[in-house]
Every structure is written in C-alpha cells, then in structure tokens.
C-alpha cells in the first residue's frame, strides 16, 4: 500500500515538472511566479520543481529581471541546456559608479560651504 502511494507521488511530480516545462515553452521564458500562475499550482511547489529541473540541466537562467515589490533581481528561466547568465551585482539605488561619485562630490561641496574652522575639544590636550 505504501509503495503504491510513493509510485503515484513520483508520477505526480514528473507530471508537474512536465507542466512547468510546457509553461516555459509557451511563455518563452518566465519566472517562478509566472509559471505558478499559469499552471495554477502553489508557488513553493513550483519553486521546488523548477529547482529540480534547473539542477538536472533541463532549464537555465535566461536573464535577471526586476519585479515590482522585490528589491532583488528575479531569475527568468528558459527551456534548454545552456550556461546560466551571470547575476548582476548592483545595488538597487546606484545605477552607475560615475553617478555615485558625482553625488559624493556634491555632498562634499555642500559640506564645505557650511563648515567653519573651530577648535577641536578632543584635541585640547595638545
């Protein structure tokens, strides 16, 4: 009786993984949330099946996209056996190093305008 249940569970898992693959082929790449919405299954179950498919090299990370309400980039998968795209390691606020340096210089210039020479009480022992 228990062996029958595990065989049925294995068949169901294979069926659901095939559903995930079919959804990815139809949508030509999708996130875990999009696949879960399309096949009508729980997000956490789909995430587990997609992780298994990724480990078995049936799907790959096509690109990283930013979704609303999520500060980190989200993986978008496609069907195939290709190498994953490298994750971009950028902060959400700073787009360019040059912009960041310009902002730092602007803050420094504003500070210089308001700064006045004064005696440092911490150095009074000199």
C-alpha atoms as a PDB file:
ATOM      1  CA  UNK A   1       0.000   0.000   0.000  1.00  0.00           C
ATOM      2  CA  UNK A   2       2.782   2.466   0.904  1.00  0.00           C
ATOM      3  CA  UNK A   3       4.744   1.529  -2.202  1.00  0.00           C
ATOM      4  CA  UNK A   4       1.719   2.361  -4.365  1.00  0.00           C
ATOM      5  CA  UNK A   5       1.484   5.797  -2.783  1.00  0.00           C
ATOM      6  CA  UNK A   6       5.152   6.612  -3.420  1.00  0.00           C
ATOM      7  CA  UNK A   7       4.873   5.478  -7.048  1.00  0.00           C
ATOM      8  CA  UNK A   8       1.822   7.710  -7.520  1.00  0.00           C
ATOM      9  CA  UNK A   9       3.707  10.609  -5.892  1.00  0.00           C
ATOM     10  CA  UNK A  10       6.679  10.112  -8.238  1.00  0.00           C
ATOM     11  CA  UNK A  11       4.342  10.087 -11.245  1.00  0.00           C
ATOM     12  CA  UNK A  12       2.644  13.270  -9.997  1.00  0.00           C
ATOM     13  CA  UNK A  13       5.991  15.019  -9.548  1.00  0.00           C
ATOM     14  CA  UNK A  14       7.059  14.045 -13.060  1.00  0.00           C
ATOM     15  CA  UNK A  15       3.688  15.257 -14.393  1.00  0.00           C
ATOM     16  CA  UNK A  16       4.037  18.617 -12.616  1.00  0.00           C
ATOM     17  CA  UNK A  17       7.608  19.078 -13.847  1.00  0.00           C
ATOM     18  CA  UNK A  18       6.350  18.442 -17.379  1.00  0.00           C
ATOM     19  CA  UNK A  19       3.676  21.087 -16.780  1.00  0.00           C
ATOM     20  CA  UNK A  20       6.394  23.544 -15.749  1.00  0.00           C
ATOM     21  CA  UNK A  21       8.420  22.750 -18.872  1.00  0.00           C
ATOM     22  CA  UNK A  22       5.349  23.181 -21.085  1.00  0.00           C
ATOM     23  CA  UNK A  23       4.538  26.534 -19.460  1.00  0.00           C
ATOM     24  CA  UNK A  24       8.106  27.734 -20.005  1.00  0.00           C
ATOM     25  CA  UNK A  25       7.977  26.720 -23.667  1.00  0.00           C
ATOM     26  CA  UNK A  26       4.673  28.505 -24.211  1.00  0.00           C
ATOM     27  CA  UNK A  27       5.825  31.701 -22.498  1.00  0.00           C
ATOM     28  CA  UNK A  28       9.368  31.608 -23.976  1.00  0.00           C
ATOM     29  CA  UNK A  29      10.910  32.184 -20.574  1.00  0.00           C
ATOM     30  CA  UNK A  30       9.251  33.014 -17.281  1.00  0.00           C
ATOM     31  CA  UNK A  31       9.812  33.492 -13.573  1.00  0.00           C
ATOM     32  CA  UNK A  32       8.674  31.009 -10.942  1.00  0.00           C
ATOM     33  CA  UNK A  33       5.710  33.229 -10.048  1.00  0.00           C
ATOM     34  CA  UNK A  34       4.563  33.401 -13.674  1.00  0.00           C
ATOM     35  CA  UNK A  35       4.800  29.613 -14.076  1.00  0.00           C
ATOM     36  CA  UNK A  36       2.890  29.064 -10.820  1.00  0.00           C
ATOM     37  CA  UNK A  37       0.127  31.411 -12.007  1.00  0.00           C
ATOM     38  CA  UNK A  38      -0.064  29.751 -15.413  1.00  0.00           C
ATOM     39  CA  UNK A  39      -0.334  26.153 -14.203  1.00  0.00           C
ATOM     40  CA  UNK A  40      -2.394  27.061 -11.132  1.00  0.00           C
ATOM     41  CA  UNK A  41      -0.149  25.468  -8.515  1.00  0.00           C
ATOM     42  CA  UNK A  42       1.357  26.662  -5.252  1.00  0.00           C
ATOM     43  CA  UNK A  43       4.387  28.969  -5.592  1.00  0.00           C
ATOM     44  CA  UNK A  44       6.564  26.915  -3.218  1.00  0.00           C
ATOM     45  CA  UNK A  45       5.815  23.638  -5.014  1.00  0.00           C
ATOM     46  CA  UNK A  46       6.607  25.167  -8.393  1.00  0.00           C
ATOM     47  CA  UNK A  47       9.802  26.668  -6.969  1.00  0.00           C
ATOM     48  CA  UNK A  48      10.896  23.203  -5.807  1.00  0.00           C
ATOM     49  CA  UNK A  49      10.089  21.611  -9.191  1.00  0.00           C
ATOM     50  CA  UNK A  50      11.896  24.417 -11.046  1.00  0.00           C
ATOM     51  CA  UNK A  51      14.936  23.975  -8.771  1.00  0.00           C
ATOM     52  CA  UNK A  52      14.965  20.248  -9.607  1.00  0.00           C
ATOM     53  CA  UNK A  53      14.651  20.993 -13.328  1.00  0.00           C
ATOM     54  CA  UNK A  54      17.490  23.506 -13.065  1.00  0.00           C
ATOM     55  CA  UNK A  55      19.712  21.007 -11.253  1.00  0.00           C
ATOM     56  CA  UNK A  56      19.031  18.388 -13.918  1.00  0.00           C
ATOM     57  CA  UNK A  57      20.002  20.982 -16.604  1.00  0.00           C
ATOM     58  CA  UNK A  58      16.611  20.906 -18.328  1.00  0.00           C
ATOM     59  CA  UNK A  59      16.148  24.648 -17.819  1.00  0.00           C
ATOM     60  CA  UNK A  60      18.606  27.525 -17.456  1.00  0.00           C
ATOM     61  CA  UNK A  61      18.600  31.099 -16.181  1.00  0.00           C
ATOM     62  CA  UNK A  62      17.992  33.254 -19.239  1.00  0.00           C
ATOM     63  CA  UNK A  63      18.214  36.650 -17.541  1.00  0.00           C
ATOM     64  CA  UNK A  64      17.502  38.515 -14.327  1.00  0.00           C
ATOM     65  CA  UNK A  65      14.541  40.883 -14.208  1.00  0.00           C
ATOM     66  CA  UNK A  66      13.380  43.345 -11.594  1.00  0.00           C
ATOM     67  CA  UNK A  67       9.821  42.847 -10.458  1.00  0.00           C
ATOM     68  CA  UNK A  68       7.663  45.272  -8.519  1.00  0.00           C
ATOM     69  CA  UNK A  69       7.850  44.939  -4.778  1.00  0.00           C
ATOM     70  CA  UNK A  70      11.043  42.875  -4.840  1.00  0.00           C
ATOM     71  CA  UNK A  71      14.372  44.618  -4.209  1.00  0.00           C
ATOM     72  CA  UNK A  72      16.464  41.802  -5.669  1.00  0.00           C
ATOM     73  CA  UNK A  73      16.577  40.701  -9.316  1.00  0.00           C
ATOM     74  CA  UNK A  74      14.412  37.654 -10.053  1.00  0.00           C
ATOM     75  CA  UNK A  75      15.562  34.739 -12.236  1.00  0.00           C
ATOM     76  CA  UNK A  76      13.827  34.200 -15.571  1.00  0.00           C
ATOM     77  CA  UNK A  77      14.132  30.628 -16.844  1.00  0.00           C
ATOM     78  CA  UNK A  78      14.030  29.102 -20.316  1.00  0.00           C
ATOM     79  CA  UNK A  79      13.972  25.512 -21.528  1.00  0.00           C
ATOM     80  CA  UNK A  80      17.342  24.201 -22.657  1.00  0.00           C
ATOM     81  CA  UNK A  81      20.773  23.095 -21.546  1.00  0.00           C
ATOM     82  CA  UNK A  82      22.810  26.295 -21.706  1.00  0.00           C
ATOM     83  CA  UNK A  83      25.013  28.029 -19.152  1.00  0.00           C
ATOM     84  CA  UNK A  84      23.276  30.404 -16.769  1.00  0.00           C
ATOM     85  CA  UNK A  85      23.618  34.147 -17.174  1.00  0.00           C
ATOM     86  CA  UNK A  86      25.799  35.774 -14.525  1.00  0.00           C
ATOM     87  CA  UNK A  87      23.875  37.652 -11.868  1.00  0.00           C
ATOM     88  CA  UNK A  88      24.434  41.391 -11.929  1.00  0.00           C
ATOM     89  CA  UNK A  89      25.771  42.574  -8.602  1.00  0.00           C
ATOM     90  CA  UNK A  90      24.415  46.102  -8.431  1.00  0.00           C
ATOM     91  CA  UNK A  91      22.682  47.969  -5.694  1.00  0.00           C
ATOM     92  CA  UNK A  92      19.106  48.940  -6.465  1.00  0.00           C
ATOM     93  CA  UNK A  93      19.724  52.668  -5.989  1.00  0.00           C
ATOM     94  CA  UNK A  94      23.100  53.229  -7.633  1.00  0.00           C
ATOM     95  CA  UNK A  95      22.979  52.698 -11.380  1.00  0.00           C
ATOM     96  CA  UNK A  96      26.444  53.872 -12.286  1.00  0.00           C
ATOM     97  CA  UNK A  97      29.690  54.369 -10.383  1.00  0.00           C
ATOM     98  CA  UNK A  98      30.129  57.762 -12.052  1.00  0.00           C
ATOM     99  CA  UNK A  99      26.718  58.951 -10.784  1.00  0.00           C
ATOM    100  CA  UNK A 100      27.662  57.789  -7.300  1.00  0.00           C
ATOM    101  CA  UNK A 101      30.915  59.782  -7.354  1.00  0.00           C
ATOM    102  CA  UNK A 102      29.119  62.911  -8.594  1.00  0.00           C
ATOM    103  CA  UNK A 103      26.702  62.634  -5.686  1.00  0.00           C
ATOM    104  CA  UNK A 104      29.566  62.268  -3.231  1.00  0.00           C
ATOM    105  CA  UNK A 105      31.285  65.368  -4.638  1.00  0.00           C
ATOM    106  CA  UNK A 106      28.035  67.358  -4.443  1.00  0.00           C
ATOM    107  CA  UNK A 107      27.626  66.410  -0.772  1.00  0.00           C
ATOM    108  CA  UNK A 108      31.246  67.335  -0.090  1.00  0.00           C
ATOM    109  CA  UNK A 109      30.865  70.743  -1.744  1.00  0.00           C
ATOM    110  CA  UNK A 110      27.703  71.427   0.286  1.00  0.00           C
ATOM    111  CA  UNK A 111      29.537  70.449   3.473  1.00  0.00           C
ATOM    112  CA  UNK A 112      32.461  72.743   2.603  1.00  0.00           C
ATOM    113  CA  UNK A 113      30.108  75.739   2.299  1.00  0.00           C
ATOM    114  CA  UNK A 114      28.689  75.241   5.788  1.00  0.00           C
ATOM    115  CA  UNK A 115      31.907  74.230   7.566  1.00  0.00           C
ATOM    116  CA  UNK A 116      33.624  76.764   9.786  1.00  0.00           C
ATOM    117  CA  UNK A 117      37.062  76.402  11.351  1.00  0.00           C
ATOM    118  CA  UNK A 118      36.818  75.644  15.034  1.00  0.00           C
ATOM    119  CA  UNK A 119      38.873  74.397  17.899  1.00  0.00           C
ATOM    120  CA  UNK A 120      38.552  70.664  18.392  1.00  0.00           C
ATOM    121  CA  UNK A 121      37.783  69.912  22.066  1.00  0.00           C
ATOM    122  CA  UNK A 122      39.026  66.348  21.656  1.00  0.00           C
ATOM    123  CA  UNK A 123      42.484  67.682  20.772  1.00  0.00           C
ATOM    124  CA  UNK A 124      42.621  70.100  23.727  1.00  0.00           C
ATOM    125  CA  UNK A 125      45.284  68.062  25.469  1.00  0.00           C
ATOM    126  CA  UNK A 126      47.876  69.010  22.833  1.00  0.00           C
END
